[in-house]
C-alpha atoms as a PDB file:
ATOM      1  CA  MET A   1    -181.561-106.220  93.961  1.00  0.00           C
ATOM      2  CA  SER A   2    -182.244-109.903  93.353  1.00  0.00           C
ATOM      3  CA  GLU A   3    -179.339-112.452  93.685  1.00  0.00           C
ATOM      4  CA  LYS A   4    -179.314-113.196  89.940  1.00  0.00           C
ATOM      5  CA  THR A   5    -179.291-109.525  89.042  1.00  0.00           C
ATOM      6  CA  GLU A   6    -176.363-108.935  91.509  1.00  0.00           C
ATOM      7  CA  VAL A   7    -174.372-111.754  89.940  1.00  0.00           C
ATOM      8  CA  ASN A   8    -174.992-110.365  86.363  1.00  0.00           C
ATOM      9  CA  VAL A   9    -173.936-106.873  87.422  1.00  0.00           C
ATOM     10  CA  LEU A  10    -170.784-108.065  89.235  1.00  0.00           C
ATOM     11  CA  ALA A  11    -169.791-110.368  86.345  1.00  0.00           C
ATOM     12  CA  LYS A  12    -170.212-107.549  83.954  1.00  0.00           C
ATOM     13  CA  PHE A  13    -167.911-105.189  85.865  1.00  0.00           C
ATOM     14  CA  ALA A  14    -165.334-107.868  86.879  1.00  0.00           C
ATOM     15  CA  THR A  15    -162.545-106.574  84.585  1.00  0.00           C
ATOM     16  CA  PRO A  16    -163.037-102.820  85.419  1.00  0.00           C
ATOM     17  CA  LEU A  17    -163.133-103.684  89.177  1.00  0.00           C
ATOM     18  CA  ILE A  18    -159.778-105.529  88.949  1.00  0.00           C
ATOM     19  CA  ILE A  19    -158.181-102.569  87.003  1.00  0.00           C
ATOM     20  CA  LEU A  20    -159.621-100.071  89.553  1.00  0.00           C
ATOM     21  CA  ALA A  21    -157.994-102.121  92.263  1.00  0.00           C
ATOM     22  CA  THR A  22    -154.682-101.888  90.574  1.00  0.00           C
ATOM     23  CA  ILE A  23    -154.924 -98.056  90.306  1.00  0.00           C
ATOM     24  CA  ILE A  24    -155.677 -97.881  94.028  1.00  0.00           C
ATOM     25  CA  TRP A  25    -152.720-100.269  94.876  1.00  0.00           C
ATOM     26  CA  GLY A  26    -150.379 -98.378  92.582  1.00  0.00           C
ATOM     27  CA  SER A  27    -151.048 -95.308  94.608  1.00  0.00           C
ATOM     28  CA  SER A  28    -150.624 -97.286  97.930  1.00  0.00           C
ATOM     29  CA  PHE A  29    -146.971 -98.160  97.275  1.00  0.00           C
ATOM     30  CA  VAL A  30    -145.956 -94.564  98.063  1.00  0.00           C
ATOM     31  CA  VAL A  31    -148.220 -94.598 101.182  1.00  0.00           C
ATOM     32  CA  MET A  32    -146.891 -97.902 102.304  1.00  0.00           C
ATOM     33  CA  LYS A  33    -143.273 -96.816 101.920  1.00  0.00           C
ATOM     34  CA  SER A  34    -143.819 -93.768 104.170  1.00  0.00           C
ATOM     35  CA  SER A  35    -145.925 -95.726 106.667  1.00  0.00           C
ATOM     36  CA  VAL A  36    -143.565 -98.675 106.991  1.00  0.00           C
ATOM     37  CA  ASN A  37    -140.733 -96.250 107.847  1.00  0.00           C
ATOM     38  CA  VAL A  38    -142.748 -95.328 110.928  1.00  0.00           C
ATOM     39  CA  LEU A  39    -144.625 -98.471 112.047  1.00  0.00           C
ATOM     40  CA  PRO A  40    -143.253-102.034 112.467  1.00  0.00           C
ATOM     41  CA  THR A  41    -144.415-104.160 109.689  1.00  0.00           C
ATOM     42  CA  PHE A  42    -146.827-106.486 111.697  1.00  0.00           C
ATOM     43  CA  TRP A  43    -148.178-103.428 113.615  1.00  0.00           C
ATOM     44  CA  LEU A  44    -149.017-101.787 110.243  1.00  0.00           C
ATOM     45  CA  LEU A  45    -150.716-104.974 108.865  1.00  0.00           C
ATOM     46  CA  ALA A  46    -152.513-105.702 112.122  1.00  0.00           C
ATOM     47  CA  ILE A  47    -153.993-102.249 112.389  1.00  0.00           C
ATOM     48  CA  ARG A  48    -154.858-102.019 108.782  1.00  0.00           C
ATOM     49  CA  PHE A  49    -156.728-105.295 108.472  1.00  0.00           C
ATOM     50  CA  SER A  50    -158.362-105.184 111.877  1.00  0.00           C
ATOM     51  CA  PHE A  51    -160.094-102.008 110.979  1.00  0.00           C
ATOM     52  CA  ALA A  52    -160.812-103.172 107.346  1.00  0.00           C
ATOM     53  CA  ALA A  53    -162.490-106.353 108.777  1.00  0.00           C
ATOM     54  CA  ILE A  54    -164.637-104.280 111.123  1.00  0.00           C
ATOM     55  CA  VAL A  55    -165.710-101.897 108.464  1.00  0.00           C
ATOM     56  CA  LEU A  56    -166.742-104.730 106.064  1.00  0.00           C
ATOM     57  CA  ALA A  57    -168.478-106.663 108.866  1.00  0.00           C
ATOM     58  CA  VAL A  58    -170.659-103.730 109.756  1.00  0.00           C
ATOM     59  CA  VAL A  59    -171.367-102.709 106.045  1.00  0.00           C
ATOM     60  CA  PHE A  60    -172.511-106.332 105.168  1.00  0.00           C
ATOM     61  CA  TRP A  61    -173.993-107.318 108.420  1.00  0.00           C
ATOM     62  CA  LYS A  62    -177.281-108.535 106.741  1.00  0.00           C
ATOM     63  CA  ARG A  63    -175.382-111.247 104.727  1.00  0.00           C
ATOM     64  CA  TRP A  64    -173.943-113.036 107.813  1.00  0.00           C
ATOM     65  CA  LYS A  65    -176.676-115.603 107.783  1.00  0.00           C
ATOM     66  CA  VAL A  66    -174.840-117.592 105.106  1.00  0.00           C
ATOM     67  CA  LEU A  67    -171.886-118.196 107.412  1.00  0.00           C
ATOM     68  CA  ASP A  68    -170.837-121.843 107.732  1.00  0.00           C
ATOM     69  CA  ARG A  69    -167.735-124.019 108.255  1.00  0.00           C
ATOM     70  CA  GLU A  70    -166.716-123.817 104.556  1.00  0.00           C
ATOM     71  CA  TYR A  71    -166.750-119.961 104.777  1.00  0.00           C
ATOM     72  CA  LEU A  72    -164.491-120.095 107.767  1.00  0.00           C
ATOM     73  CA  ILE A  73    -162.034-122.490 106.029  1.00  0.00           C
ATOM     74  CA  GLY A  74    -162.032-120.450 102.767  1.00  0.00           C
ATOM     75  CA  GLY A  75    -161.721-117.098 104.528  1.00  0.00           C
ATOM     76  CA  THR A  76    -158.804-118.427 106.740  1.00  0.00           C
ATOM     77  CA  VAL A  77    -156.825-119.941 103.811  1.00  0.00           C
ATOM     78  CA  MET A  78    -157.213-116.778 101.739  1.00  0.00           C
ATOM     79  CA  GLY A  79    -156.333-114.713 104.685  1.00  0.00           C
ATOM     80  CA  PHE A  80    -153.269-116.791 105.477  1.00  0.00           C
ATOM     81  CA  CYS A  81    -151.997-116.585 101.857  1.00  0.00           C
ATOM     82  CA  LEU A  82    -152.447-112.853 101.772  1.00  0.00           C
ATOM     83  CA  PHE A  83    -150.869-112.384 105.155  1.00  0.00           C
ATOM     84  CA  LEU A  84    -147.727-114.186 104.033  1.00  0.00           C
ATOM     85  CA  ALA A  85    -147.769-112.173 100.704  1.00  0.00           C
ATOM     86  CA  TYR A  86    -148.112-108.828 102.435  1.00  0.00           C
ATOM     87  CA  ALA A  87    -145.649-109.652 105.156  1.00  0.00           C
ATOM     88  CA  PHE A  88    -142.817-110.581 102.863  1.00  0.00           C
ATOM     89  CA  GLN A  89    -143.748-107.767 100.523  1.00  0.00           C
ATOM     90  CA  THR A  90    -143.615-105.238 103.321  1.00  0.00           C
ATOM     91  CA  PHE A  91    -140.454-106.561 104.902  1.00  0.00           C
ATOM     92  CA  GLY A  92    -138.938-106.444 101.316  1.00  0.00           C
ATOM     93  CA  LEU A  93    -140.080-102.814 100.875  1.00  0.00           C
ATOM     94  CA  GLU A  94    -137.961-101.838 103.957  1.00  0.00           C
ATOM     95  CA  GLN A  95    -134.816-102.931 102.111  1.00  0.00           C
ATOM     96  CA  THR A  96    -135.542-101.981  98.543  1.00  0.00           C
ATOM     97  CA  THR A  97    -137.035 -99.301  96.328  1.00  0.00           C
ATOM     98  CA  SER A  98    -140.799 -98.911  95.595  1.00  0.00           C
ATOM     99  CA  GLY A  99    -140.253 -99.477  91.921  1.00  0.00           C
ATOM    100  CA  LYS A 100    -138.290-102.846  92.461  1.00  0.00           C
ATOM    101  CA  ASN A 101    -140.841-103.849  95.152  1.00  0.00           C
ATOM    102  CA  ALA A 102    -143.596-103.451  92.624  1.00  0.00           C
ATOM    103  CA  PHE A 103    -141.756-105.380  89.923  1.00  0.00           C
ATOM    104  CA  PHE A 104    -140.717-108.411  92.047  1.00  0.00           C
ATOM    105  CA  THR A 105    -144.182-108.554  93.552  1.00  0.00           C
ATOM    106  CA  ALA A 106    -145.643-108.961  90.032  1.00  0.00           C
ATOM    107  CA  VAL A 107    -143.877-112.212  89.380  1.00  0.00           C
ATOM    108  CA  TYR A 108    -147.262-113.861  90.388  1.00  0.00           C
ATOM    109  CA  CYS A 109    -148.554-113.096  86.781  1.00  0.00           C
ATOM    110  CA  VAL A 110    -146.038-115.759  85.521  1.00  0.00           C
ATOM    111  CA  ILE A 111    -146.475-118.099  88.450  1.00  0.00           C
ATOM    112  CA  VAL A 112    -150.393-118.269  88.542  1.00  0.00           C
ATOM    113  CA  PRO A 113    -151.035-120.079  85.167  1.00  0.00           C
ATOM    114  CA  PHE A 114    -148.555-122.931  86.185  1.00  0.00           C
ATOM    115  CA  LEU A 115    -149.653-123.107  89.722  1.00  0.00           C
ATOM    116  CA  TYR A 116    -153.305-123.284  88.573  1.00  0.00           C
ATOM    117  CA  TRP A 117    -152.230-126.032  86.256  1.00  0.00           C
ATOM    118  CA  ILE A 118    -150.814-128.063  89.149  1.00  0.00           C
ATOM    119  CA  ILE A 119    -153.888-127.588  91.481  1.00  0.00           C
ATOM    120  CA  ALA A 120    -156.715-127.555  89.081  1.00  0.00           C
ATOM    121  CA  LYS A 121    -155.290-129.769  86.398  1.00  0.00           C
ATOM    122  CA  ARG A 122    -156.087-127.089  83.834  1.00  0.00           C
ATOM    123  CA  ARG A 123    -153.284-126.442  81.353  1.00  0.00           C
ATOM    124  CA  PRO A 124    -152.645-122.776  80.412  1.00  0.00           C
ATOM    125  CA  ASP A 125    -153.005-122.086  76.763  1.00  0.00           C
ATOM    126  CA  LYS A 126    -150.336-120.434  74.697  1.00  0.00           C
ATOM    127  CA  TYR A 127    -151.968-116.973  75.090  1.00  0.00           C
ATOM    128  CA  ASN A 128    -151.850-117.263  78.903  1.00  0.00           C
ATOM    129  CA  VAL A 129    -148.131-118.061  78.848  1.00  0.00           C
ATOM    130  CA  LEU A 130    -147.419-115.426  76.157  1.00  0.00           C
ATOM    131  CA  ALA A 131    -149.274-112.741  78.154  1.00  0.00           C
ATOM    132  CA  ALA A 132    -147.597-113.751  81.439  1.00  0.00           C
ATOM    133  CA  PHE A 133    -144.026-113.401  79.910  1.00  0.00           C
ATOM    134  CA  LEU A 134    -144.862-110.221  77.997  1.00  0.00           C
ATOM    135  CA  CYS A 135    -146.245-108.810  81.216  1.00  0.00           C
ATOM    136  CA  ILE A 136    -143.187-109.562  83.334  1.00  0.00           C
ATOM    137  CA  ALA A 137    -140.863-108.231  80.579  1.00  0.00           C
ATOM    138  CA  GLY A 138    -142.899-105.013  80.495  1.00  0.00           C
ATOM    139  CA  ILE A 139    -142.879-104.678  84.306  1.00  0.00           C
ATOM    140  CA  ALA A 140    -139.143-105.169  84.384  1.00  0.00           C
ATOM    141  CA  LEU A 141    -138.670-102.205  81.981  1.00  0.00           C
ATOM    142  CA  VAL A 142    -141.140-100.042  83.859  1.00  0.00           C
ATOM    143  CA  SER A 143    -139.957-100.749  87.385  1.00  0.00           C
ATOM    144  CA  ILE A 144    -136.254-101.409  87.648  1.00  0.00           C
ATOM    145  CA  THR A 145    -134.594 -99.295  84.840  1.00  0.00           C
ATOM    146  CA  GLY A 146    -132.387 -96.335  85.640  1.00  0.00           C
ATOM    147  CA  ASP A 147    -131.700 -95.538  89.187  1.00  0.00           C
ATOM    148  CA  ASN A 148    -133.910 -98.559  90.314  1.00  0.00           C
ATOM    149  CA  ALA A 149    -131.667-101.043  88.512  1.00  0.00           C
ATOM    150  CA  SER A 150    -129.353-101.457  91.531  1.00  0.00           C
ATOM    151  CA  ALA A 151    -127.819-104.694  92.706  1.00  0.00           C
ATOM    152  CA  PHE A 152    -130.208-107.584  93.717  1.00  0.00           C
ATOM    153  CA  ASN A 153    -130.516-107.595  97.520  1.00  0.00           C
ATOM    154  CA  MET A 154    -132.300-109.241 100.384  1.00  0.00           C
ATOM    155  CA  GLY A 155    -135.262-106.922 100.022  1.00  0.00           C
ATOM    156  CA  ASP A 156    -135.721-108.214  96.516  1.00  0.00           C
ATOM    157  CA  VAL A 157    -135.524-111.804  97.690  1.00  0.00           C
ATOM    158  CA  LEU A 158    -138.195-111.172 100.301  1.00  0.00           C
ATOM    159  CA  THR A 159    -140.446-109.519  97.742  1.00  0.00           C
ATOM    160  CA  LEU A 160    -140.120-112.388  95.335  1.00  0.00           C
ATOM    161  CA  VAL A 161    -141.278-114.782  98.005  1.00  0.00           C
ATOM    162  CA  GLY A 162    -144.254-112.355  98.614  1.00  0.00           C
ATOM    163  CA  GLY A 163    -144.977-112.529  94.905  1.00  0.00           C
ATOM    164  CA  PHE A 164    -145.266-116.345  95.168  1.00  0.00           C
ATOM    165  CA  PHE A 165    -147.786-116.009  97.956  1.00  0.00           C
ATOM    166  CA  PHE A 166    -149.755-113.522  95.980  1.00  0.00           C
ATOM    167  CA  ALA A 167    -149.993-116.083  93.299  1.00  0.00           C
ATOM    168  CA  CYS A 168    -151.278-118.597  96.009  1.00  0.00           C
ATOM    169  CA  HIS A 169    -153.794-116.027  97.066  1.00  0.00           C
ATOM    170  CA  ILE A 170    -155.132-115.719  93.506  1.00  0.00           C
ATOM    171  CA  ILE A 171    -155.608-119.410  93.315  1.00  0.00           C
ATOM    172  CA  ALA A 172    -157.234-119.602  96.758  1.00  0.00           C
ATOM    173  CA  VAL A 173    -159.773-116.875  95.816  1.00  0.00           C
ATOM    174  CA  SER A 174    -160.577-118.802  92.588  1.00  0.00           C
ATOM    175  CA  ARG A 175    -161.065-122.015  94.587  1.00  0.00           C
ATOM    176  CA  TYR A 176    -163.168-120.774  97.546  1.00  0.00           C
ATOM    177  CA  SER A 177    -165.262-118.000  95.943  1.00  0.00           C
ATOM    178  CA  GLU A 178    -167.200-120.322  93.703  1.00  0.00           C
ATOM    179  CA  GLY A 179    -170.842-120.492  94.751  1.00  0.00           C
ATOM    180  CA  ARG A 180    -170.150-118.319  97.906  1.00  0.00           C
ATOM    181  CA  ASP A 181    -170.942-114.760  99.035  1.00  0.00           C
ATOM    182  CA  ILE A 182    -167.725-112.881  98.137  1.00  0.00           C
ATOM    183  CA  PHE A 183    -168.417-110.052 100.582  1.00  0.00           C
ATOM    184  CA  ILE A 184    -168.556-112.353 103.619  1.00  0.00           C
ATOM    185  CA  LEU A 185    -165.627-114.348 102.393  1.00  0.00           C
ATOM    186  CA  THR A 186    -163.581-111.187 102.014  1.00  0.00           C
ATOM    187  CA  THR A 187    -164.574-110.043 105.471  1.00  0.00           C
ATOM    188  CA  LEU A 188    -163.389-113.367 107.000  1.00  0.00           C
ATOM    189  CA  GLN A 189    -160.273-113.156 104.960  1.00  0.00           C
ATOM    190  CA  PHE A 190    -159.499-109.694 106.463  1.00  0.00           C
ATOM    191  CA  ALA A 191    -160.297-110.972 110.019  1.00  0.00           C
ATOM    192  CA  SER A 192    -157.898-113.917 109.698  1.00  0.00           C
ATOM    193  CA  PHE A 193    -155.256-111.790 108.210  1.00  0.00           C
ATOM    194  CA  ALA A 194    -155.560-109.455 111.204  1.00  0.00           C
ATOM    195  CA  LEU A 195    -155.344-112.320 113.551  1.00  0.00           C
ATOM    196  CA  PHE A 196    -152.161-113.617 111.988  1.00  0.00           C
ATOM    197  CA  SER A 197    -150.750-110.107 112.109  1.00  0.00           C
ATOM    198  CA  TRP A 198    -151.399-109.803 115.765  1.00  0.00           C
ATOM    199  CA  VAL A 199    -149.689-113.018 116.450  1.00  0.00           C
ATOM    200  CA  GLY A 200    -146.730-111.554 114.532  1.00  0.00           C
ATOM    201  CA  VAL A 201    -146.937-108.423 116.747  1.00  0.00           C
ATOM    202  CA  LEU A 202    -146.781-110.585 119.886  1.00  0.00           C
ATOM    203  CA  PHE A 203    -143.543-112.402 118.774  1.00  0.00           C
ATOM    204  CA  THR A 204    -141.616-109.758 116.964  1.00  0.00           C
ATOM    205  CA  SER A 205    -142.522-106.209 117.589  1.00  0.00           C
ATOM    206  CA  PRO A 206    -142.679-104.019 120.656  1.00  0.00           C
ATOM    207  CA  ALA A 207    -145.420-101.416 120.882  1.00  0.00           C
ATOM    208  CA  PRO A 208    -144.745 -98.314 118.904  1.00  0.00           C
ATOM    209  CA  ASP A 209    -144.368 -94.933 120.619  1.00  0.00           C
ATOM    210  CA  PRO A 210    -147.772 -93.293 120.622  1.00  0.00           C
ATOM    211  CA  SER A 211    -146.181 -90.074 119.416  1.00  0.00           C
ATOM    212  CA  VAL A 212    -145.662 -91.603 116.011  1.00  0.00           C
ATOM    213  CA  PHE A 213    -149.439 -91.502 115.313  1.00  0.00           C
ATOM    214  CA  ASP A 214    -149.338 -88.047 113.909  1.00  0.00           C
ATOM    215  CA  SER A 215    -151.730 -86.600 111.320  1.00  0.00           C
ATOM    216  CA  SER A 216    -149.603 -87.904 108.332  1.00  0.00           C
ATOM    217  CA  LEU A 217    -149.514 -91.432 109.689  1.00  0.00           C
ATOM    218  CA  ILE A 218    -153.271 -91.529 110.483  1.00  0.00           C
ATOM    219  CA  PHE A 219    -154.107 -90.247 107.043  1.00  0.00           C
ATOM    220  CA  GLY A 220    -151.897 -93.030 105.559  1.00  0.00           C
ATOM    221  CA  LEU A 221    -153.549 -95.659 107.698  1.00  0.00           C
ATOM    222  CA  VAL A 222    -157.097 -94.474 106.833  1.00  0.00           C
ATOM    223  CA  TYR A 223    -156.088 -94.580 103.124  1.00  0.00           C
ATOM    224  CA  LEU A 224    -154.811 -98.164 103.495  1.00  0.00           C
ATOM    225  CA  VAL A 225    -157.882 -99.301 105.392  1.00  0.00           C
ATOM    226  CA  VAL A 226    -160.630 -97.704 103.324  1.00  0.00           C
ATOM    227  CA  PHE A 227    -159.193 -97.631  99.802  1.00  0.00           C
ATOM    228  CA  ALA A 228    -156.307-100.187  99.590  1.00  0.00           C
ATOM    229  CA  SER A 229    -158.152-102.810 101.720  1.00  0.00           C
ATOM    230  CA  CYS A 230    -161.940-102.411 101.857  1.00  0.00           C
ATOM    231  CA  GLY A 231    -161.945-101.018  98.341  1.00  0.00           C
ATOM    232  CA  ALA A 232    -159.159-102.554  96.293  1.00  0.00           C
ATOM    233  CA  LEU A 233    -159.027-106.066  97.885  1.00  0.00           C
ATOM    234  CA  LEU A 234    -162.820-106.366  97.765  1.00  0.00           C
ATOM    235  CA  PHE A 235    -162.807-105.174  94.146  1.00  0.00           C
ATOM    236  CA  GLN A 236    -160.121-107.779  93.406  1.00  0.00           C
ATOM    237  CA  ASN A 237    -161.986-110.674  95.035  1.00  0.00           C
ATOM    238  CA  ILE A 238    -165.248-109.705  93.298  1.00  0.00           C
ATOM    239  CA  GLY A 239    -163.397-109.449  89.906  1.00  0.00           C
ATOM    240  CA  GLN A 240    -161.628-112.708  90.415  1.00  0.00           C
ATOM    241  CA  LYS A 241    -164.779-114.566  91.223  1.00  0.00           C
ATOM    242  CA  TYR A 242    -165.809-114.010  87.650  1.00  0.00           C
ATOM    243  CA  THR A 243    -162.417-114.114  85.882  1.00  0.00           C
ATOM    244  CA  ALA A 244    -160.107-116.988  84.949  1.00  0.00           C
ATOM    245  CA  PRO A 245    -157.066-116.949  87.294  1.00  0.00           C
ATOM    246  CA  SER A 246    -154.537-116.533  84.530  1.00  0.00           C
ATOM    247  CA  THR A 247    -156.349-113.529  83.104  1.00  0.00           C
ATOM    248  CA  ALA A 248    -156.868-112.064  86.478  1.00  0.00           C
ATOM    249  CA  ALA A 249    -153.189-112.275  87.302  1.00  0.00           C
ATOM    250  CA  VAL A 250    -152.233-110.305  84.159  1.00  0.00           C
ATOM    251  CA  LEU A 251    -154.842-107.604  84.910  1.00  0.00           C
ATOM    252  CA  LEU A 252    -153.605-107.426  88.513  1.00  0.00           C
ATOM    253  CA  SER A 253    -150.083-106.826  87.284  1.00  0.00           C
ATOM    254  CA  LEU A 254    -151.140-103.394  86.186  1.00  0.00           C
ATOM    255  CA  GLU A 255    -150.451-102.492  89.770  1.00  0.00           C
ATOM    256  CA  ALA A 256    -146.750-102.220  88.910  1.00  0.00           C
ATOM    257  CA  PRO A 257    -146.972 -99.594  86.255  1.00  0.00           C
ATOM    258  CA  PHE A 258    -149.541 -97.709  88.225  1.00  0.00           C
ATOM    259  CA  GLY A 259    -147.119 -97.969  91.188  1.00  0.00           C
ATOM    260  CA  VAL A 260    -144.238 -96.472  89.198  1.00  0.00           C
ATOM    261  CA  LEU A 261    -146.573 -93.807  87.729  1.00  0.00           C
ATOM    262  CA  PHE A 262    -147.592 -92.652  91.187  1.00  0.00           C
ATOM    263  CA  SER A 263    -143.980 -92.769  92.236  1.00  0.00           C
ATOM    264  CA  ILE A 264    -143.161 -90.401  89.400  1.00  0.00           C
ATOM    265  CA  LEU A 265    -145.975 -88.039  90.442  1.00  0.00           C
ATOM    266  CA  PHE A 266    -145.422 -88.038  94.184  1.00  0.00           C
ATOM    267  CA  ALA A 267    -142.092 -89.617  95.082  1.00  0.00           C
ATOM    268  CA  ASP A 268    -139.615 -87.925  92.660  1.00  0.00           C
ATOM    269  CA  GLU A 269    -138.932 -91.030  90.479  1.00  0.00           C
ATOM    270  CA  ARG A 270    -137.926 -90.042  86.963  1.00  0.00           C
ATOM    271  CA  PRO A 271    -139.534 -91.602  83.804  1.00  0.00           C
ATOM    272  CA  THR A 272    -137.222 -93.194  81.235  1.00  0.00           C
ATOM    273  CA  PRO A 273    -137.818 -94.082  77.539  1.00  0.00           C
ATOM    274  CA  LEU A 274    -137.612 -97.785  78.497  1.00  0.00           C
ATOM    275  CA  MET A 275    -140.571 -97.261  80.872  1.00  0.00           C
ATOM    276  CA  PHE A 276    -142.702 -96.329  77.951  1.00  0.00           C
ATOM    277  CA  VAL A 277    -141.662 -99.480  76.109  1.00  0.00           C
ATOM    278  CA  GLY A 278    -142.552-101.453  79.260  1.00  0.00           C
ATOM    279  CA  PHE A 279    -146.023 -99.811  79.389  1.00  0.00           C
ATOM    280  CA  ALA A 280    -146.658-100.889  75.804  1.00  0.00           C
ATOM    281  CA  LEU A 281    -145.664-104.505  76.549  1.00  0.00           C
ATOM    282  CA  ILE A 282    -147.978-104.582  79.564  1.00  0.00           C
ATOM    283  CA  PHE A 283    -150.792-103.218  77.351  1.00  0.00           C
ATOM    284  CA  VAL A 284    -150.179-105.896  74.756  1.00  0.00           C
ATOM    285  CA  ALA A 285    -150.104-108.578  77.476  1.00  0.00           C
ATOM    286  CA  VAL A 286    -153.450-107.442  78.783  1.00  0.00           C
ATOM    287  CA  VAL A 287    -154.928-107.533  75.287  1.00  0.00           C
ATOM    288  CA  CYS A 288    -153.555-110.936  74.649  1.00  0.00           C
ATOM    289  CA  SER A 289    -154.990-112.300  77.889  1.00  0.00           C
ATOM    290  CA  GLU A 290    -158.384-110.633  77.397  1.00  0.00           C
ATOM    291  CA  THR A 291    -158.928-111.257  73.707  1.00  0.00           C
ATOM    292  CA  LYS A 292    -156.333-113.942  72.718  1.00  0.00           C
ATOM    293  CA  PHE A 293    -155.799-111.648  69.695  1.00  0.00           C
ATOM    294  CA  ALA A 294    -158.995-112.986  68.144  1.00  0.00           C
ATOM    295  CA  PHE A 295    -159.486-109.711  66.251  1.00  0.00           C
ATOM    296  CA  LEU A 296    -156.405-110.428  64.247  1.00  0.00           C
ATOM    297  CA  ARG A 297    -157.596-113.799  63.048  1.00  0.00           C
ATOM    298  CA  LYS A 298    -159.731-113.981  59.963  1.00  0.00           C
ATOM    299  CA  LYS A 299    -163.356-114.900  60.522  1.00  0.00           C
ATOM    300  CA  GLY A 300    -164.289-117.902  58.529  1.00  0.00           C
END
């Protein structure tokens, strides 16, 4: 496949790839919740992203000839932002519910348009802002109603900080992916993420007992490496390369309702009527971000 053809194909499937990533991440909340109860946070992240980096490095070994200083800088910045986001999110998950963790993580959909405005000097339009707030309102109804609507706690605070760094990651991907091979950039991102995680291991976490690595944990780790990292994060980076940051943020927020859906299916969370209102608001937010409601305006 020629480079031009590859670019055209990836650009065409940018939105579906981002949505596919959110479906995978939605399922990973349940897996992460069970894994983080067994492995210390930094051990979980270090193992996950070390193997993810190795897998991508091997799969895309023919592309390494493009590597230069700018790739190393971009990959490191992206990896550091993602490391902080996942670290705060995972520590938060230890102290809150999967549904609330999914909601507070998704604050990035509101932060991104304004953060991008500060950094790139591109003011968000009214549809970007409307979509962001519709989205966060919908996620609130989906994620923290009923039994999930317990008192605000430290786990929620940590998750909110993680949401901010997820917004920083979205902006970093937009900044450094332009004109670069996204596959190599993602591999470097994973490698730097793993390095920061191993540093965290050295300073905070003793080695886990080998007996914890039973079949259930190993299955969870394989899922997180292959699907939630090599698959979903690569899909996100590809999709973001060809999508405006504000639109990407709204699409990525679909992770929250998918997270709640999988929690209902596999973790005994119960649906409520307000959840369905939330799903509807999120759907309207996505339509607003993608189309700016152009189909409602009369054509002159």
